[in-house]
Amino acid sequence: MRARVFVTLKKSVFDPQGKTIADALHSMGYTGVGDVRQGKFFELDIAAASADQAKTLASEVADKVLANPVIESYRVEVE
């Protein structure tokens, strides 16, 4: 099974890279773009008996390795 993990900074954490991207987009004429929040994306191929087991394993990996739980949050999708 394939799990996708999306890691982003928590809303309360300032995102200077997202701010820089937003400023660049505005200077390029994309005035309709509001706030930009950047993050990380991971795809994990997981050997599991069910989608629930795959999601549990991907969440554990995200908690321990892929995300910094102090400043980042994540969500997991399994297909």
Foldseek 3Di string as FASTA:
>chain_A
DKKKKKKWWPPVDDAVVQVVVVVVCVVVPVVVDDTGTDTDMDMDDDDDPDQVVVQVVVVVCCPPPVYDVVTMDMDMDDD
